[in-house]
Full PDB file with SEQRES, HELIX, SHEET, SSBOND, CRYST1, ORIGX, SCALE, CONECT and MASTER records, all heavy atoms in Angstrom:
SEQRES   1 A   37  VAL GLY GLU LEU VAL THR MET LYS ASP TYR VAL ASP VAL          
SEQRES   2 A   37  LEU VAL PRO ARG GLY GLY LYS SER LEU ILE GLU ARG ILE          
SEQRES   3 A   37  SER SER GLU ALA ARG ILE PRO VAL ILE LYS HIS                  
HELIX    1 AA1 LEU A    4  THR A    6  5                                   3    
HELIX    2 AA2 LYS A   20  GLU A   29  1                                  10    
CRYST1    1.000    1.000    1.000  90.00  90.00  90.00 P 1           1          
ORIGX1      1.000000  0.000000  0.000000        0.00000                         
ORIGX2      0.000000  1.000000  0.000000        0.00000                         
ORIGX3      0.000000  0.000000  1.000000        0.00000                         
SCALE1      1.000000  0.000000  0.000000        0.00000                         
SCALE2      0.000000  1.000000  0.000000        0.00000                         
SCALE3      0.000000  0.000000  1.000000        0.00000                         
ATOM      1  N   VAL A   1      19.302  -1.182  -0.995  1.00  0.00           N  
ATOM      2  CA  VAL A   1      18.352  -2.087  -0.335  1.00  0.00           C  
ATOM      3  C   VAL A   1      16.985  -1.427  -0.228  1.00  0.00           C  
ATOM      4  O   VAL A   1      15.951  -2.047  -0.497  1.00  0.00           O  
ATOM      5  CB  VAL A   1      18.869  -2.495   1.062  1.00  0.00           C  
ATOM      6  CG1 VAL A   1      17.828  -3.329   1.803  1.00  0.00           C  
ATOM      7  CG2 VAL A   1      20.178  -3.262   0.942  1.00  0.00           C  
ATOM      8  N   GLY A   2      16.976  -0.156   0.155  1.00  0.00           N  
ATOM      9  CA  GLY A   2      15.720   0.588   0.252  1.00  0.00           C  
ATOM     10  C   GLY A   2      14.952   0.606  -1.056  1.00  0.00           C  
ATOM     11  O   GLY A   2      13.715   0.520  -1.069  1.00  0.00           O  
ATOM     12  N   GLU A   3      15.675   0.725  -2.163  1.00  0.00           N  
ATOM     13  CA  GLU A   3      15.035   0.686  -3.480  1.00  0.00           C  
ATOM     14  C   GLU A   3      14.521  -0.712  -3.807  1.00  0.00           C  
ATOM     15  O   GLU A   3      13.391  -0.890  -4.268  1.00  0.00           O  
ATOM     16  CB  GLU A   3      16.018   1.140  -4.565  1.00  0.00           C  
ATOM     17  CG  GLU A   3      16.233   2.636  -4.622  1.00  0.00           C  
ATOM     18  CD  GLU A   3      14.961   3.397  -4.960  1.00  0.00           C  
ATOM     19  OE1 GLU A   3      14.191   2.920  -5.818  1.00  0.00           O  
ATOM     20  OE2 GLU A   3      14.720   4.445  -4.353  1.00  0.00           O  
ATOM     21  N   LEU A   4      15.374  -1.713  -3.573  1.00  0.00           N  
ATOM     22  CA  LEU A   4      15.031  -3.083  -3.947  1.00  0.00           C  
ATOM     23  C   LEU A   4      13.741  -3.552  -3.286  1.00  0.00           C  
ATOM     24  O   LEU A   4      12.897  -4.198  -3.932  1.00  0.00           O  
ATOM     25  CB  LEU A   4      16.194  -4.013  -3.578  1.00  0.00           C  
ATOM     26  CG  LEU A   4      16.024  -5.503  -3.890  1.00  0.00           C  
ATOM     27  CD1 LEU A   4      15.780  -5.735  -5.371  1.00  0.00           C  
ATOM     28  CD2 LEU A   4      17.256  -6.282  -3.427  1.00  0.00           C  
ATOM     29  N   VAL A   5      13.549  -3.220  -2.011  1.00  0.00           N  
ATOM     30  CA  VAL A   5      12.397  -3.753  -1.272  1.00  0.00           C  
ATOM     31  C   VAL A   5      11.081  -3.077  -1.652  1.00  0.00           C  
ATOM     32  O   VAL A   5      10.016  -3.513  -1.206  1.00  0.00           O  
ATOM     33  CB  VAL A   5      12.611  -3.666   0.257  1.00  0.00           C  
ATOM     34  CG1 VAL A   5      13.857  -4.426   0.659  1.00  0.00           C  
ATOM     35  CG2 VAL A   5      12.675  -2.234   0.746  1.00  0.00           C  
ATOM     36  N   THR A   6      11.156  -2.045  -2.467  1.00  0.00           N  
ATOM     37  CA  THR A   6       9.925  -1.362  -2.882  1.00  0.00           C  
ATOM     38  C   THR A   6       9.650  -1.499  -4.384  1.00  0.00           C  
ATOM     39  O   THR A   6       8.678  -0.938  -4.875  1.00  0.00           O  
ATOM     40  CB  THR A   6      10.000   0.140  -2.532  1.00  0.00           C  
ATOM     41  OG1 THR A   6      11.118   0.737  -3.200  1.00  0.00           O  
ATOM     42  CG2 THR A   6      10.150   0.343  -1.031  1.00  0.00           C  
ATOM     43  N   MET A   7      10.483  -2.267  -5.112  1.00  0.00           N  
ATOM     44  CA  MET A   7      10.338  -2.347  -6.575  1.00  0.00           C  
ATOM     45  C   MET A   7       9.315  -3.422  -6.973  1.00  0.00           C  
ATOM     46  O   MET A   7       9.637  -4.430  -7.583  1.00  0.00           O  
ATOM     47  CB  MET A   7      11.703  -2.631  -7.224  1.00  0.00           C  
ATOM     48  CG  MET A   7      12.691  -1.504  -7.015  1.00  0.00           C  
ATOM     49  SD  MET A   7      14.161  -1.530  -8.082  1.00  0.00           S  
ATOM     50  CE  MET A   7      14.550  -3.223  -8.292  1.00  0.00           C  
ATOM     51  N   LYS A   8       8.048  -3.167  -6.589  1.00  0.00           N  
ATOM     52  CA  LYS A   8       7.024  -4.190  -6.803  1.00  0.00           C  
ATOM     53  C   LYS A   8       6.709  -4.436  -8.275  1.00  0.00           C  
ATOM     54  O   LYS A   8       6.137  -5.474  -8.623  1.00  0.00           O  
ATOM     55  CB  LYS A   8       5.750  -3.839  -6.030  1.00  0.00           C  
ATOM     56  CG  LYS A   8       5.153  -2.484  -6.343  1.00  0.00           C  
ATOM     57  CD  LYS A   8       3.986  -2.196  -5.404  1.00  0.00           C  
ATOM     58  CE  LYS A   8       3.391  -0.819  -5.681  1.00  0.00           C  
ATOM     59  NZ  LYS A   8       2.278  -0.504  -4.762  1.00  0.00           N  
ATOM     60  N   ASP A   9       7.080  -3.508  -9.158  1.00  0.00           N  
ATOM     61  CA  ASP A   9       6.869  -3.740 -10.582  1.00  0.00           C  
ATOM     62  C   ASP A   9       7.869  -4.735 -11.155  1.00  0.00           C  
ATOM     63  O   ASP A   9       7.626  -5.334 -12.209  1.00  0.00           O  
ATOM     64  CB  ASP A   9       6.984  -2.425 -11.367  1.00  0.00           C  
ATOM     65  CG  ASP A   9       5.814  -1.496 -11.115  1.00  0.00           C  
ATOM     66  OD1 ASP A   9       4.755  -1.998 -10.664  1.00  0.00           O  
ATOM     67  OD2 ASP A   9       5.954  -0.280 -11.338  1.00  0.00           O  
ATOM     68  N   TYR A  10       8.987  -4.897 -10.469  1.00  0.00           N  
ATOM     69  CA  TYR A  10      10.066  -5.724 -11.011  1.00  0.00           C  
ATOM     70  C   TYR A  10      10.435  -6.927 -10.151  1.00  0.00           C  
ATOM     71  O   TYR A  10      11.057  -7.870 -10.649  1.00  0.00           O  
ATOM     72  CB  TYR A  10      11.329  -4.864 -11.211  1.00  0.00           C  
ATOM     73  CG  TYR A  10      11.124  -3.687 -12.119  1.00  0.00           C  
ATOM     74  CD1 TYR A  10      11.355  -2.391 -11.670  1.00  0.00           C  
ATOM     75  CD2 TYR A  10      10.685  -3.849 -13.437  1.00  0.00           C  
ATOM     76  CE1 TYR A  10      11.170  -1.293 -12.500  1.00  0.00           C  
ATOM     77  CE2 TYR A  10      10.491  -2.765 -14.271  1.00  0.00           C  
ATOM     78  CZ  TYR A  10      10.735  -1.489 -13.800  1.00  0.00           C  
ATOM     79  OH  TYR A  10      10.538  -0.405 -14.632  1.00  0.00           O  
ATOM     80  N   VAL A  11      10.086  -6.920  -8.872  1.00  0.00           N  
ATOM     81  CA  VAL A  11      10.476  -8.004  -7.960  1.00  0.00           C  
ATOM     82  C   VAL A  11       9.216  -8.649  -7.388  1.00  0.00           C  
ATOM     83  O   VAL A  11       8.304  -7.962  -6.940  1.00  0.00           O  
ATOM     84  CB  VAL A  11      11.376  -7.474  -6.818  1.00  0.00           C  
ATOM     85  CG1 VAL A  11      11.787  -8.610  -5.880  1.00  0.00           C  
ATOM     86  CG2 VAL A  11      12.619  -6.790  -7.384  1.00  0.00           C  
ATOM     87  N   ASP A  12       9.170  -9.993  -7.404  1.00  0.00           N  
ATOM     88  CA  ASP A  12       7.972 -10.711  -6.969  1.00  0.00           C  
ATOM     89  C   ASP A  12       8.035 -11.185  -5.527  1.00  0.00           C  
ATOM     90  O   ASP A  12       7.014 -11.319  -4.857  1.00  0.00           O  
ATOM     91  CB  ASP A  12       7.733 -11.913  -7.890  1.00  0.00           C  
ATOM     92  CG  ASP A  12       7.443 -11.472  -9.314  1.00  0.00           C  
ATOM     93  OD1 ASP A  12       6.364 -10.903  -9.548  1.00  0.00           O  
ATOM     94  OD2 ASP A  12       8.318 -11.666 -10.188  1.00  0.00           O  
ATOM     95  N   VAL A  13       9.221 -11.481  -5.032  1.00  0.00           N  
ATOM     96  CA  VAL A  13       9.366 -11.949  -3.654  1.00  0.00           C  
ATOM     97  C   VAL A  13      10.765 -11.590  -3.160  1.00  0.00           C  
ATOM     98  O   VAL A  13      11.718 -11.543  -3.948  1.00  0.00           O  
ATOM     99  CB  VAL A  13       9.107 -13.473  -3.547  1.00  0.00           C  
ATOM    100  CG1 VAL A  13      10.187 -14.279  -4.269  1.00  0.00           C  
ATOM    101  CG2 VAL A  13       8.985 -13.934  -2.104  1.00  0.00           C  
ATOM    102  N   LEU A  14      10.873 -11.320  -1.862  1.00  0.00           N  
ATOM    103  CA  LEU A  14      12.154 -10.998  -1.237  1.00  0.00           C  
ATOM    104  C   LEU A  14      12.541 -12.096  -0.247  1.00  0.00           C  
ATOM    105  O   LEU A  14      11.679 -12.655   0.443  1.00  0.00           O  
ATOM    106  CB  LEU A  14      12.074  -9.672  -0.478  1.00  0.00           C  
ATOM    107  CG  LEU A  14      11.875  -8.408  -1.314  1.00  0.00           C  
ATOM    108  CD1 LEU A  14      11.485  -7.258  -0.409  1.00  0.00           C  
ATOM    109  CD2 LEU A  14      13.146  -8.064  -2.092  1.00  0.00           C  
ATOM    110  N   VAL A  15      13.847 -12.377  -0.185  1.00  0.00           N  
ATOM    111  CA  VAL A  15      14.364 -13.328   0.797  1.00  0.00           C  
ATOM    112  C   VAL A  15      15.533 -12.668   1.529  1.00  0.00           C  
ATOM    113  O   VAL A  15      16.632 -12.585   0.983  1.00  0.00           O  
ATOM    114  CB  VAL A  15      14.838 -14.639   0.142  1.00  0.00           C  
ATOM    115  CG1 VAL A  15      15.275 -15.638   1.210  1.00  0.00           C  
ATOM    116  CG2 VAL A  15      13.760 -15.238  -0.749  1.00  0.00           C  
ATOM    117  N   PRO A  16      15.315 -12.153   2.740  1.00  0.00           N  
ATOM    118  CA  PRO A  16      16.437 -11.599   3.514  1.00  0.00           C  
ATOM    119  C   PRO A  16      17.136 -12.702   4.304  1.00  0.00           C  
ATOM    120  O   PRO A  16      16.493 -13.563   4.894  1.00  0.00           O  
ATOM    121  CB  PRO A  16      15.754 -10.613   4.461  1.00  0.00           C  
ATOM    122  CG  PRO A  16      14.372 -11.144   4.637  1.00  0.00           C  
ATOM    123  CD  PRO A  16      14.022 -11.948   3.407  1.00  0.00           C  
ATOM    124  N   ARG A  17      18.465 -12.678   4.303  1.00  0.00           N  
ATOM    125  CA  ARG A  17      19.247 -13.636   5.092  1.00  0.00           C  
ATOM    126  C   ARG A  17      20.301 -12.874   5.874  1.00  0.00           C  
ATOM    127  O   ARG A  17      21.155 -12.221   5.283  1.00  0.00           O  
ATOM    128  CB  ARG A  17      19.915 -14.683   4.188  1.00  0.00           C  
ATOM    129  CG  ARG A  17      18.938 -15.589   3.498  1.00  0.00           C  
ATOM    130  CD  ARG A  17      19.633 -16.751   2.835  1.00  0.00           C  
ATOM    131  NE  ARG A  17      20.346 -17.591   3.784  1.00  0.00           N  
ATOM    132  CZ  ARG A  17      20.956 -18.734   3.439  1.00  0.00           C  
ATOM    133  NH1 ARG A  17      20.947 -19.132   2.187  1.00  0.00           N  
ATOM    134  NH2 ARG A  17      21.582 -19.449   4.346  1.00  0.00           N  
ATOM    135  N   GLY A  18      20.207 -12.924   7.178  1.00  0.00           N  
ATOM    136  CA  GLY A  18      21.173 -12.202   7.995  1.00  0.00           C  
ATOM    137  C   GLY A  18      20.674 -12.072   9.413  1.00  0.00           C  
ATOM    138  O   GLY A  18      19.850 -12.866   9.875  1.00  0.00           O  
ATOM    139  N   GLY A  19      21.145 -11.050  10.104  1.00  0.00           N  
ATOM    140  CA  GLY A  19      20.773 -10.838  11.491  1.00  0.00           C  
ATOM    141  C   GLY A  19      19.339 -10.355  11.642  1.00  0.00           C  
ATOM    142  O   GLY A  19      18.682  -9.950  10.675  1.00  0.00           O  
ATOM    143  N   LYS A  20      18.864 -10.406  12.881  1.00  0.00           N  
ATOM    144  CA  LYS A  20      17.483 -10.041  13.178  1.00  0.00           C  
ATOM    145  C   LYS A  20      17.168  -8.611  12.755  1.00  0.00           C  
ATOM    146  O   LYS A  20      16.090  -8.330  12.220  1.00  0.00           O  
ATOM    147  CB  LYS A  20      17.223 -10.227  14.673  1.00  0.00           C  
ATOM    148  CG  LYS A  20      15.772 -10.053  15.078  1.00  0.00           C  
ATOM    149  CD  LYS A  20      15.580 -10.349  16.555  1.00  0.00           C  
ATOM    150  CE  LYS A  20      14.114 -10.185  16.951  1.00  0.00           C  
ATOM    151  NZ  LYS A  20      13.909 -10.473  18.395  1.00  0.00           N  
ATOM    152  N   SER A  21      18.118  -7.685  12.957  1.00  0.00           N  
ATOM    153  CA  SER A  21      17.857  -6.281  12.622  1.00  0.00           C  
ATOM    154  C   SER A  21      17.661  -6.102  11.115  1.00  0.00           C  
ATOM    155  O   SER A  21      16.788  -5.344  10.682  1.00  0.00           O  
ATOM    156  CB  SER A  21      18.993  -5.386  13.114  1.00  0.00           C  
ATOM    157  OG  SER A  21      20.222  -5.751  12.523  1.00  0.00           O  
ATOM    158  N   LEU A  22      18.453  -6.814  10.309  1.00  0.00           N  
ATOM    159  CA  LEU A  22      18.297  -6.741   8.858  1.00  0.00           C  
ATOM    160  C   LEU A  22      16.914  -7.250   8.447  1.00  0.00           C  
ATOM    161  O   LEU A  22      16.195  -6.598   7.672  1.00  0.00           O  
ATOM    162  CB  LEU A  22      19.380  -7.559   8.149  1.00  0.00           C  
ATOM    163  CG  LEU A  22      19.157  -7.744   6.639  1.00  0.00           C  
ATOM    164  CD1 LEU A  22      19.492  -6.475   5.871  1.00  0.00           C  
ATOM    165  CD2 LEU A  22      19.959  -8.908   6.080  1.00  0.00           C  
ATOM    166  N   ILE A  23      16.546  -8.400   8.978  1.00  0.00           N  
ATOM    167  CA  ILE A  23      15.278  -9.019   8.571  1.00  0.00           C  
ATOM    168  C   ILE A  23      14.091  -8.180   9.035  1.00  0.00           C  
ATOM    169  O   ILE A  23      13.103  -8.021   8.311  1.00  0.00           O  
ATOM    170  CB  ILE A  23      15.202 -10.465   9.089  1.00  0.00           C  
ATOM    171  CG1 ILE A  23      16.321 -11.295   8.427  1.00  0.00           C  
ATOM    172  CG2 ILE A  23      13.845 -11.091   8.792  1.00  0.00           C  
ATOM    173  CD1 ILE A  23      16.538 -12.655   9.033  1.00  0.00           C  
ATOM    174  N   GLU A  24      14.190  -7.605  10.237  1.00  0.00           N  
ATOM    175  CA  GLU A  24      13.114  -6.724  10.712  1.00  0.00           C  
ATOM    176  C   GLU A  24      12.992  -5.497   9.819  1.00  0.00           C  
ATOM    177  O   GLU A  24      11.881  -5.058   9.497  1.00  0.00           O  
ATOM    178  CB  GLU A  24      13.388  -6.300  12.156  1.00  0.00           C  
ATOM    179  CG  GLU A  24      13.081  -7.388  13.162  1.00  0.00           C  
ATOM    180  CD  GLU A  24      13.359  -6.970  14.588  1.00  0.00           C  
ATOM    181  OE1 GLU A  24      14.267  -6.132  14.804  1.00  0.00           O  
ATOM    182  OE2 GLU A  24      12.679  -7.492  15.496  1.00  0.00           O  
ATOM    183  N   ARG A  25      14.132  -4.942   9.388  1.00  0.00           N  
ATOM    184  CA  ARG A  25      14.098  -3.769   8.507  1.00  0.00           C  
ATOM    185  C   ARG A  25      13.419  -4.119   7.178  1.00  0.00           C  
ATOM    186  O   ARG A  25      12.540  -3.394   6.704  1.00  0.00           O  
ATOM    187  CB  ARG A  25      15.519  -3.252   8.246  1.00  0.00           C  
ATOM    188  CG  ARG A  25      15.519  -2.043   7.320  1.00  0.00           C  
ATOM    189  CD  ARG A  25      16.871  -1.749   6.689  1.00  0.00           C  
ATOM    190  NE  ARG A  25      16.706  -0.793   5.589  1.00  0.00           N  
ATOM    191  CZ  ARG A  25      17.662  -0.488   4.729  1.00  0.00           C  
ATOM    192  NH1 ARG A  25      18.850  -1.033   4.807  1.00  0.00           N  
ATOM    193  NH2 ARG A  25      17.426   0.383   3.753  1.00  0.00           N  
ATOM    194  N   ILE A  26      13.827  -5.239   6.586  1.00  0.00           N  
ATOM    195  CA  ILE A  26      13.262  -5.635   5.296  1.00  0.00           C  
ATOM    196  C   ILE A  26      11.760  -5.877   5.437  1.00  0.00           C  
ATOM    197  O   ILE A  26      10.958  -5.427   4.609  1.00  0.00           O  
ATOM    198  CB  ILE A  26      13.954  -6.908   4.760  1.00  0.00           C  
ATOM    199  CG1 ILE A  26      15.468  -6.703   4.613  1.00  0.00           C  
ATOM    200  CG2 ILE A  26      13.335  -7.332   3.433  1.00  0.00           C  
ATOM    201  CD1 ILE A  26      15.887  -5.519   3.807  1.00  0.00           C  
ATOM    202  N   SER A  27      11.378  -6.585   6.490  1.00  0.00           N  
ATOM    203  CA  SER A  27       9.963  -6.913   6.692  1.00  0.00           C  
ATOM    204  C   SER A  27       9.106  -5.669   6.865  1.00  0.00           C  
ATOM    205  O   SER A  27       7.965  -5.615   6.390  1.00  0.00           O  
ATOM    206  CB  SER A  27       9.803  -7.834   7.908  1.00  0.00           C  
ATOM    207  OG  SER A  27      10.540  -9.016   7.737  1.00  0.00           O  
ATOM    208  N   SER A  28       9.643  -4.652   7.544  1.00  0.00           N  
ATOM    209  CA  SER A  28       8.856  -3.445   7.802  1.00  0.00           C  
ATOM    210  C   SER A  28       8.801  -2.516   6.598  1.00  0.00           C  
ATOM    211  O   SER A  28       7.806  -1.819   6.386  1.00  0.00           O  
ATOM    212  CB  SER A  28       9.410  -2.701   9.021  1.00  0.00           C  
ATOM    213  OG  SER A  28      10.718  -2.218   8.764  1.00  0.00           O  
ATOM    214  N   GLU A  29       9.862  -2.490   5.787  1.00  0.00           N  
ATOM    215  CA  GLU A  29       9.919  -1.559   4.664  1.00  0.00           C  
ATOM    216  C   GLU A  29       9.391  -2.143   3.355  1.00  0.00           C  
ATOM    217  O   GLU A  29       9.041  -1.398   2.431  1.00  0.00           O  
ATOM    218  CB  GLU A  29      11.370  -1.093   4.443  1.00  0.00           C  
ATOM    219  CG  GLU A  29      11.924  -0.245   5.575  1.00  0.00           C  
ATOM    220  CD  GLU A  29      13.345   0.225   5.313  1.00  0.00           C  
ATOM    221  OE1 GLU A  29      13.812   0.081   4.145  1.00  0.00           O  
ATOM    222  OE2 GLU A  29      13.991   0.736   6.236  1.00  0.00           O  
ATOM    223  N   ALA A  30       9.332  -3.467   3.260  1.00  0.00           N  
ATOM    224  CA  ALA A  30       9.024  -4.101   1.976  1.00  0.00           C  
ATOM    225  C   ALA A  30       7.582  -3.867   1.539  1.00  0.00           C  
ATOM    226  O   ALA A  30       6.657  -3.874   2.352  1.00  0.00           O  
ATOM    227  CB  ALA A  30       9.305  -5.597   2.061  1.00  0.00           C  
ATOM    228  N   ARG A  31       7.418  -3.663   0.236  1.00  0.00           N  
ATOM    229  CA  ARG A  31       6.088  -3.620  -0.382  1.00  0.00           C  
ATOM    230  C   ARG A  31       5.864  -4.883  -1.212  1.00  0.00           C  
ATOM    231  O   ARG A  31       4.999  -4.921  -2.080  1.00  0.00           O  
ATOM    232  CB  ARG A  31       5.972  -2.388  -1.263  1.00  0.00           C  
ATOM    233  CG  ARG A  31       6.113  -1.071  -0.506  1.00  0.00           C  
ATOM    234  CD  ARG A  31       5.964   0.108  -1.427  1.00  0.00           C  
ATOM    235  NE  ARG A  31       6.306   1.368  -0.761  1.00  0.00           N  
ATOM    236  CZ  ARG A  31       6.412   2.524  -1.385  1.00  0.00           C  
ATOM    237  NH1 ARG A  31       6.201   2.589  -2.708  1.00  0.00           N  
ATOM    238  NH2 ARG A  31       6.734   3.623  -0.727  1.00  0.00           N  
ATOM    239  N   ILE A  32       6.676  -5.875  -0.958  1.00  0.00           N  
ATOM    240  CA  ILE A  32       6.711  -7.120  -1.717  1.00  0.00           C  
ATOM    241  C   ILE A  32       6.667  -8.260  -0.702  1.00  0.00           C  
ATOM    242  O   ILE A  32       7.215  -8.121   0.399  1.00  0.00           O  
ATOM    243  CB  ILE A  32       8.029  -7.190  -2.542  1.00  0.00           C  
ATOM    244  CG1 ILE A  32       8.134  -6.002  -3.498  1.00  0.00           C  
ATOM    245  CG2 ILE A  32       8.147  -8.495  -3.320  1.00  0.00           C  
ATOM    246  CD1 ILE A  32       9.552  -5.724  -3.958  1.00  0.00           C  
ATOM    247  N   PRO A  33       6.043  -9.407  -1.012  1.00  0.00           N  
ATOM    248  CA  PRO A  33       6.052 -10.536  -0.070  1.00  0.00           C  
ATOM    249  C   PRO A  33       7.473 -10.941   0.325  1.00  0.00           C  
ATOM    250  O   PRO A  33       8.395 -10.899  -0.488  1.00  0.00           O  
ATOM    251  CB  PRO A  33       5.359 -11.655  -0.859  1.00  0.00           C  
ATOM    252  CG  PRO A  33       4.495 -10.944  -1.848  1.00  0.00           C  
ATOM    253  CD  PRO A  33       5.247  -9.707  -2.226  1.00  0.00           C  
ATOM    254  N   VAL A  34       7.631 -11.332   1.603  1.00  0.00           N  
ATOM    255  CA  VAL A  34       8.951 -11.673   2.146  1.00  0.00           C  
ATOM    256  C   VAL A  34       8.926 -13.108   2.677  1.00  0.00           C  
ATOM    257  O   VAL A  34       8.032 -13.485   3.436  1.00  0.00           O  
ATOM    258  CB  VAL A  34       9.346 -10.707   3.286  1.00  0.00           C  
ATOM    259  CG1 VAL A  34      10.711 -11.074   3.853  1.00  0.00           C  
ATOM    260  CG2 VAL A  34       9.343  -9.261   2.797  1.00  0.00           C  
ATOM    261  N   ILE A  35       9.918 -13.926   2.267  1.00  0.00           N  
ATOM    262  CA  ILE A  35      10.134 -15.262   2.831  1.00  0.00           C  
ATOM    263  C   ILE A  35      11.230 -15.100   3.875  1.00  0.00           C  
ATOM    264  O   ILE A  35      12.349 -14.701   3.548  1.00  0.00           O  
ATOM    265  CB  ILE A  35      10.565 -16.266   1.749  1.00  0.00           C  
ATOM    266  CG1 ILE A  35       9.438 -16.475   0.724  1.00  0.00           C  
ATOM    267  CG2 ILE A  35      10.956 -17.599   2.376  1.00  0.00           C  
ATOM    268  CD1 ILE A  35       9.839 -17.333  -0.468  1.00  0.00           C  
ATOM    269  N   LYS A  36      10.927 -15.428   5.153  1.00  0.00           N  
ATOM    270  CA  LYS A  36      11.882 -15.029   6.198  1.00  0.00           C  
ATOM    271  C   LYS A  36      11.783 -15.892   7.445  1.00  0.00           C  
ATOM    272  O   LYS A  36      10.818 -16.623   7.656  1.00  0.00           O  
ATOM    273  CB  LYS A  36      11.606 -13.579   6.611  1.00  0.00           C  
ATOM    274  CG  LYS A  36      10.278 -13.440   7.353  1.00  0.00           C  
ATOM    275  CD  LYS A  36       9.934 -12.029   7.685  1.00  0.00           C  
ATOM    276  CE  LYS A  36       8.690 -11.936   8.559  1.00  0.00           C  
ATOM    277  NZ  LYS A  36       7.503 -12.556   7.946  1.00  0.00           N  
ATOM    278  N   HIS A  37      12.831 -15.787   8.258  1.00  0.00           N  
ATOM    279  CA  HIS A  37      12.759 -16.111   9.678  1.00  0.00           C  
ATOM    280  C   HIS A  37      13.555 -15.041  10.404  1.00  0.00           C  
ATOM    281  O   HIS A  37      14.590 -14.593   9.926  1.00  0.00           O  
ATOM    282  CB  HIS A  37      13.310 -17.507   9.987  1.00  0.00           C  
ATOM    283  CG  HIS A  37      14.803 -17.607   9.951  1.00  0.00           C  
ATOM    284  ND1 HIS A  37      15.492 -17.865   8.784  1.00  0.00           N  
ATOM    285  CD2 HIS A  37      15.735 -17.460  10.923  1.00  0.00           C  
ATOM    286  CE1 HIS A  37      16.790 -17.875   9.047  1.00  0.00           C  
ATOM    287  NE2 HIS A  37      16.965 -17.644  10.337  1.00  0.00           N  
TER     288      HIS A  37                                                      
MASTER        0    0    0    2    0    0    0    6  287    1    0    3          
END                                                                             
C-alpha cells in the first residue's frame, strides 16, 4: 500500500474504501489525487 500510494508515474488517482483510519492513512501518505470519504 505504501508503494502504491506514491507511484505517481504509474497511477493517476486513488480510491480508498474502508475504515476511517485506512482512508486517513491513504490521504496523508498519497502523492496522487484521492477520491474519498
